[in-house]
Structure formats: C-alpha cells, structure tokens
C-alpha atoms as a PDB file:
ATOM      1  CA  MET A   1      10.675   2.745 -10.976  1.00  0.00           C
ATOM      2  CA  GLN A   2      11.554  -0.674 -12.344  1.00  0.00           C
ATOM      3  CA  GLU A   3       8.669  -3.176 -12.581  1.00  0.00           C
ATOM      4  CA  SER A   4       9.310  -6.556 -10.847  1.00  0.00           C
ATOM      5  CA  LYS A   5       9.163  -9.637 -12.929  1.00  0.00           C
ATOM      6  CA  ARG A   6       5.943 -11.614 -12.255  1.00  0.00           C
ATOM      7  CA  HIS A   7       5.184 -15.202 -12.843  1.00  0.00           C
ATOM      8  CA  VAL A   8       3.770 -16.308 -16.266  1.00  0.00           C
ATOM      9  CA  TRP A   9       0.578 -17.836 -14.893  1.00  0.00           C
ATOM     10  CA  HIS A  10      -0.067 -20.307 -17.613  1.00  0.00           C
ATOM     11  CA  GLU A  11       3.498 -21.620 -17.309  1.00  0.00           C
ATOM     12  CA  VAL A  12       3.286 -22.068 -13.531  1.00  0.00           C
ATOM     13  CA  ALA A  13      -0.213 -23.760 -13.638  1.00  0.00           C
ATOM     14  CA  PRO A  14      -0.501 -25.354 -17.078  1.00  0.00           C
ATOM     15  CA  LYS A  15      -3.499 -27.632 -16.048  1.00  0.00           C
ATOM     16  CA  GLY A  16      -5.403 -24.617 -14.851  1.00  0.00           C
ATOM     17  CA  ALA A  17      -4.556 -22.764 -17.987  1.00  0.00           C
ATOM     18  CA  LYS A  18      -5.585 -25.771 -20.125  1.00  0.00           C
ATOM     19  CA  ALA A  19      -8.954 -25.726 -18.300  1.00  0.00           C
ATOM     20  CA  LEU A  20      -9.573 -21.992 -18.813  1.00  0.00           C
ATOM     21  CA  TYR A  21      -8.488 -22.168 -22.508  1.00  0.00           C
ATOM     22  CA  GLY A  22     -11.070 -25.015 -22.755  1.00  0.00           C
ATOM     23  CA  VAL A  23     -13.717 -22.404 -21.940  1.00  0.00           C
ATOM     24  CA  TYR A  24     -12.227 -19.995 -24.351  1.00  0.00           C
ATOM     25  CA  HIS A  25     -12.293 -22.770 -27.065  1.00  0.00           C
ATOM     26  CA  TYR A  26     -16.007 -23.462 -26.327  1.00  0.00           C
ATOM     27  CA  VAL A  27     -16.918 -19.768 -26.585  1.00  0.00           C
ATOM     28  CA  THR A  28     -14.956 -19.226 -29.811  1.00  0.00           C
ATOM     29  CA  SER A  29     -15.699 -22.468 -31.578  1.00  0.00           C
ATOM     30  CA  GLU A  30     -18.845 -24.098 -30.191  1.00  0.00           C
ATOM     31  CA  THR A  31     -21.460 -21.401 -29.703  1.00  0.00           C
ATOM     32  CA  ASP A  32     -23.679 -19.726 -32.272  1.00  0.00           C
ATOM     33  CA  LEU A  33     -22.376 -16.220 -31.135  1.00  0.00           C
ATOM     34  CA  PRO A  34     -20.751 -14.350 -34.013  1.00  0.00           C
ATOM     35  CA  GLU A  35     -16.965 -13.951 -33.765  1.00  0.00           C
ATOM     36  CA  GLU A  36     -17.128 -10.224 -33.882  1.00  0.00           C
ATOM     37  CA  LEU A  37     -19.675  -9.997 -31.071  1.00  0.00           C
ATOM     38  CA  ILE A  38     -17.421 -12.326 -28.946  1.00  0.00           C
ATOM     39  CA  HIS A  39     -14.388 -10.182 -29.511  1.00  0.00           C
ATOM     40  CA  MET A  40     -16.307  -6.980 -28.905  1.00  0.00           C
ATOM     41  CA  VAL A  41     -17.442  -8.380 -25.558  1.00  0.00           C
ATOM     42  CA  PHE A  42     -14.028  -9.614 -24.678  1.00  0.00           C
ATOM     43  CA  LEU A  43     -12.655  -6.102 -25.447  1.00  0.00           C
ATOM     44  CA  ARG A  44     -15.277  -4.201 -23.517  1.00  0.00           C
ATOM     45  CA  VAL A  45     -14.968  -6.531 -20.403  1.00  0.00           C
ATOM     46  CA  SER A  46     -11.206  -6.027 -20.664  1.00  0.00           C
ATOM     47  CA  GLN A  47     -11.531  -2.220 -20.825  1.00  0.00           C
ATOM     48  CA  ILE A  48     -13.727  -2.243 -17.610  1.00  0.00           C
ATOM     49  CA  ASN A  49     -11.140  -4.411 -15.879  1.00  0.00           C
ATOM     50  CA  GLY A  50      -8.055  -2.515 -17.127  1.00  0.00           C
ATOM     51  CA  CYS A  51      -6.198  -5.509 -18.382  1.00  0.00           C
ATOM     52  CA  ALA A  52      -3.634  -4.066 -20.869  1.00  0.00           C
ATOM     53  CA  HIS A  53      -2.732  -7.386 -22.396  1.00  0.00           C
ATOM     54  CA  CYS A  54      -6.329  -8.321 -23.092  1.00  0.00           C
ATOM     55  CA  ILE A  55      -7.189  -4.794 -24.372  1.00  0.00           C
ATOM     56  CA  ASP A  56      -4.215  -4.993 -26.762  1.00  0.00           C
ATOM     57  CA  ALA A  57      -5.002  -8.511 -27.943  1.00  0.00           C
ATOM     58  CA  HIS A  58      -8.752  -8.078 -28.458  1.00  0.00           C
ATOM     59  CA  SER A  59      -8.497  -4.714 -30.057  1.00  0.00           C
ATOM     60  CA  ARG A  60      -6.292  -6.430 -32.738  1.00  0.00           C
ATOM     61  CA  ASP A  61      -8.832  -9.163 -33.058  1.00  0.00           C
ATOM     62  CA  LEU A  62     -11.690  -6.789 -33.319  1.00  0.00           C
ATOM     63  CA  LEU A  63      -9.951  -4.601 -35.932  1.00  0.00           C
ATOM     64  CA  LYS A  64      -9.979  -7.430 -38.346  1.00  0.00           C
ATOM     65  CA  THR A  65     -13.775  -7.155 -38.629  1.00  0.00           C
ATOM     66  CA  MET A  66     -14.755  -3.803 -37.220  1.00  0.00           C
ATOM     67  CA  SER A  67     -13.770  -0.294 -38.168  1.00  0.00           C
ATOM     68  CA  VAL A  68     -11.231   1.576 -36.076  1.00  0.00           C
ATOM     69  CA  GLU A  69     -13.859   4.293 -35.416  1.00  0.00           C
ATOM     70  CA  LYS A  70     -16.192   1.672 -33.826  1.00  0.00           C
ATOM     71  CA  VAL A  71     -13.432   0.104 -31.824  1.00  0.00           C
ATOM     72  CA  ALA A  72     -12.313   3.558 -30.539  1.00  0.00           C
ATOM     73  CA  LEU A  73     -15.954   4.370 -29.536  1.00  0.00           C
ATOM     74  CA  LEU A  74     -16.608   1.089 -27.773  1.00  0.00           C
ATOM     75  CA  PRO A  75     -16.071   2.540 -24.159  1.00  0.00           C
ATOM     76  CA  VAL A  76     -18.797   5.114 -24.949  1.00  0.00           C
ATOM     77  CA  TRP A  77     -21.138   2.918 -26.960  1.00  0.00           C
ATOM     78  CA  ARG A  78     -24.256   4.209 -25.307  1.00  0.00           C
ATOM     79  CA  GLU A  79     -23.501   7.693 -26.684  1.00  0.00           C
ATOM     80  CA  VAL A  80     -23.312   6.447 -30.289  1.00  0.00           C
ATOM     81  CA  PRO A  81     -26.155   3.915 -30.407  1.00  0.00           C
ATOM     82  CA  ASN A  82     -26.488   4.305 -34.216  1.00  0.00           C
ATOM     83  CA  LEU A  83     -23.100   2.592 -34.585  1.00  0.00           C
ATOM     84  CA  PHE A  84     -24.051  -0.618 -32.856  1.00  0.00           C
ATOM     85  CA  SER A  85     -26.894  -2.942 -33.662  1.00  0.00           C
ATOM     86  CA  ASP A  86     -29.653  -3.669 -31.086  1.00  0.00           C
ATOM     87  CA  ARG A  87     -28.072  -7.113 -30.472  1.00  0.00           C
ATOM     88  CA  TYR A  88     -24.447  -5.540 -29.964  1.00  0.00           C
ATOM     89  CA  GLN A  89     -25.959  -2.918 -27.606  1.00  0.00           C
ATOM     90  CA  ALA A  90     -27.711  -5.787 -25.639  1.00  0.00           C
ATOM     91  CA  ALA A  91     -24.413  -7.692 -25.513  1.00  0.00           C
ATOM     92  CA  LEU A  92     -22.488  -4.708 -24.314  1.00  0.00           C
ATOM     93  CA  ALA A  93     -24.985  -3.805 -21.681  1.00  0.00           C
ATOM     94  CA  TRP A  94     -25.079  -7.381 -20.380  1.00  0.00           C
ATOM     95  CA  ALA A  95     -21.284  -7.611 -20.400  1.00  0.00           C
ATOM     96  CA  GLU A  96     -21.091  -4.393 -18.289  1.00  0.00           C
ATOM     97  CA  GLU A  97     -23.794  -5.635 -15.891  1.00  0.00           C
ATOM     98  CA  VAL A  98     -22.055  -9.088 -15.349  1.00  0.00           C
ATOM     99  CA  THR A  99     -18.613  -7.664 -15.159  1.00  0.00           C
ATOM    100  CA  LEU A 100     -19.721  -5.062 -12.523  1.00  0.00           C
ATOM    101  CA  LEU A 101     -21.604  -7.708 -10.618  1.00  0.00           C
ATOM    102  CA  SER A 102     -20.824  -6.335  -7.167  1.00  0.00           C
ATOM    103  CA  GLU A 103     -22.400  -3.064  -8.110  1.00  0.00           C
ATOM    104  CA  THR A 104     -25.214  -4.238 -10.372  1.00  0.00           C
ATOM    105  CA  HIS A 105     -26.259  -7.618  -8.942  1.00  0.00           C
ATOM    106  CA  ALA A 106     -27.269  -8.536 -12.469  1.00  0.00           C
ATOM    107  CA  SER A 107     -30.550  -6.617 -12.198  1.00  0.00           C
ATOM    108  CA  ASP A 108     -33.864  -8.033 -13.326  1.00  0.00           C
ATOM    109  CA  ASP A 109     -34.196  -5.132 -15.655  1.00  0.00           C
ATOM    110  CA  ALA A 110     -30.925  -5.894 -17.316  1.00  0.00           C
ATOM    111  CA  TYR A 111     -31.650  -9.624 -17.511  1.00  0.00           C
ATOM    112  CA  GLU A 112     -35.015  -8.933 -19.118  1.00  0.00           C
ATOM    113  CA  ALA A 113     -33.433  -6.547 -21.658  1.00  0.00           C
ATOM    114  CA  ALA A 114     -30.801  -9.223 -22.641  1.00  0.00           C
ATOM    115  CA  SER A 115     -33.391 -11.943 -22.776  1.00  0.00           C
ATOM    116  CA  THR A 116     -35.520 -10.047 -25.354  1.00  0.00           C
ATOM    117  CA  VAL A 117     -32.527 -10.041 -27.788  1.00  0.00           C
ATOM    118  CA  PHE A 118     -30.934 -13.355 -26.989  1.00  0.00           C
ATOM    119  CA  ASN A 119     -32.539 -16.835 -26.882  1.00  0.00           C
ATOM    120  CA  PRO A 120     -31.773 -18.748 -23.582  1.00  0.00           C
ATOM    121  CA  LYS A 121     -28.903 -20.718 -25.004  1.00  0.00           C
ATOM    122  CA  ASP A 122     -27.179 -17.649 -26.604  1.00  0.00           C
ATOM    123  CA  LEU A 123     -27.671 -15.643 -23.318  1.00  0.00           C
ATOM    124  CA  VAL A 124     -26.060 -18.485 -21.342  1.00  0.00           C
ATOM    125  CA  ASP A 125     -23.235 -18.562 -23.958  1.00  0.00           C
ATOM    126  CA  LEU A 126     -22.830 -14.792 -23.765  1.00  0.00           C
ATOM    127  CA  THR A 127     -22.595 -14.972 -19.965  1.00  0.00           C
ATOM    128  CA  ILE A 128     -19.990 -17.776 -20.273  1.00  0.00           C
ATOM    129  CA  THR A 129     -18.071 -15.494 -22.631  1.00  0.00           C
ATOM    130  CA  ILE A 130     -18.219 -12.612 -20.215  1.00  0.00           C
ATOM    131  CA  ALA A 131     -17.182 -14.808 -17.338  1.00  0.00           C
ATOM    132  CA  ALA A 132     -14.339 -16.353 -19.181  1.00  0.00           C
ATOM    133  CA  MET A 133     -12.892 -12.880 -20.108  1.00  0.00           C
ATOM    134  CA  ASN A 134     -13.247 -11.704 -16.513  1.00  0.00           C
ATOM    135  CA  ALA A 135     -11.233 -14.804 -15.472  1.00  0.00           C
ATOM    136  CA  PHE A 136      -8.451 -14.071 -18.042  1.00  0.00           C
ATOM    137  CA  ASN A 137      -8.410 -10.372 -16.970  1.00  0.00           C
ATOM    138  CA  ARG A 138      -7.959 -11.447 -13.328  1.00  0.00           C
ATOM    139  CA  LEU A 139      -4.893 -13.404 -14.429  1.00  0.00           C
ATOM    140  CA  GLY A 140      -3.480 -11.044 -17.061  1.00  0.00           C
ATOM    141  CA  SER A 141      -3.609  -7.933 -15.078  1.00  0.00           C
ATOM    142  CA  PRO A 142      -2.024  -9.004 -11.851  1.00  0.00           C
ATOM    143  CA  PHE A 143       0.699 -11.058 -13.608  1.00  0.00           C
ATOM    144  CA  ARG A 144       1.328  -8.167 -16.034  1.00  0.00           C
ATOM    145  CA  LEU A 145       1.158 -10.174 -19.173  1.00  0.00           C
ATOM    146  CA  PRO A 146       2.922  -8.225 -21.843  1.00  0.00           C
ATOM    147  CA  VAL A 147       1.351  -6.293 -24.808  1.00  0.00           C
ATOM    148  CA  GLU A 148       2.354  -6.482 -28.410  1.00  0.00           C
ATOM    149  CA  ALA A 149       2.057  -2.735 -28.913  1.00  0.00           C
ATOM    150  CA  GLN A 150       5.222  -0.864 -29.421  1.00  0.00           C
ATOM    151  CA  PRO A 151       6.209   2.867 -28.757  1.00  0.00           C
END
C-alpha cells in the first residue's frame, strides 16, 4: 500500500508554525526547566500520542544527555523508579496526566503530587511544555512528518 503525500503543515501555514515555534522557544530557552527534563517530557508525550517524527527527534535529543538504557525504559518508568529522580518521576506523571486529559481530568491527586515537587512557575512552565508537545504531535502525526531513522 502506497502512502499518500500529505501537506507539510509548517509550509502551508507559516504564521501558525511561527506562533507554535514561539512557544517551543519559550519552553526551551526562557524557563528554568532543565533541558534534559524538557526533552524527556517531549519524548514521553510523543510516545503516548504515537507521533513517529517527534519520537525520533526527541529520542535523538535525549540521547545527547541520557543513557540509552534510560531512554529505552522511559515508557515503563514507573517500573524502574530508581532510574529516575523524584523530580523526573513527577514530571513524567504530570505529563501523562495532562496528555491523557480526557481520561484523567487532571486529577487533584496528580496536581498535588506535581505541586510538591515543582514551584508554581515551574509547574506552569512544565504544563506549557506538555501542551506544546501535544500540539506538535497533533500536527506531526496526521501530516506524517518524516523521521530521520533509516532501515
């Protein structure tokens, strides 16, 4: 079965892309969140959403600072809590909670757990990070952005 060619979303709507990349710039350049934590959250959100382009890109980003073993175990992070700090576990839990919003409704328990590890500004910035990656996934996946990975 041949895959049909899909639009390149950021070429079709460059002003929309610029706005979304502005949020990406804010998250990666103007917050106090560590770069590794940001890329870890980007990857976990992309894994949940099944965006191949973003999984490929953020795996590559994360492998610059994190061991291949930890990256490989990211989808099952709850089963290997000794590999991830309390702060990283809280970020991953909140990322899952916010990404699966229609199921979780961002429960009070999850919010309280995240609030014990992140100050208010960092928690808002983390949530913006999660929201931004969800937006990118909702463009990358339906428009089938290509991956760099080769056979």
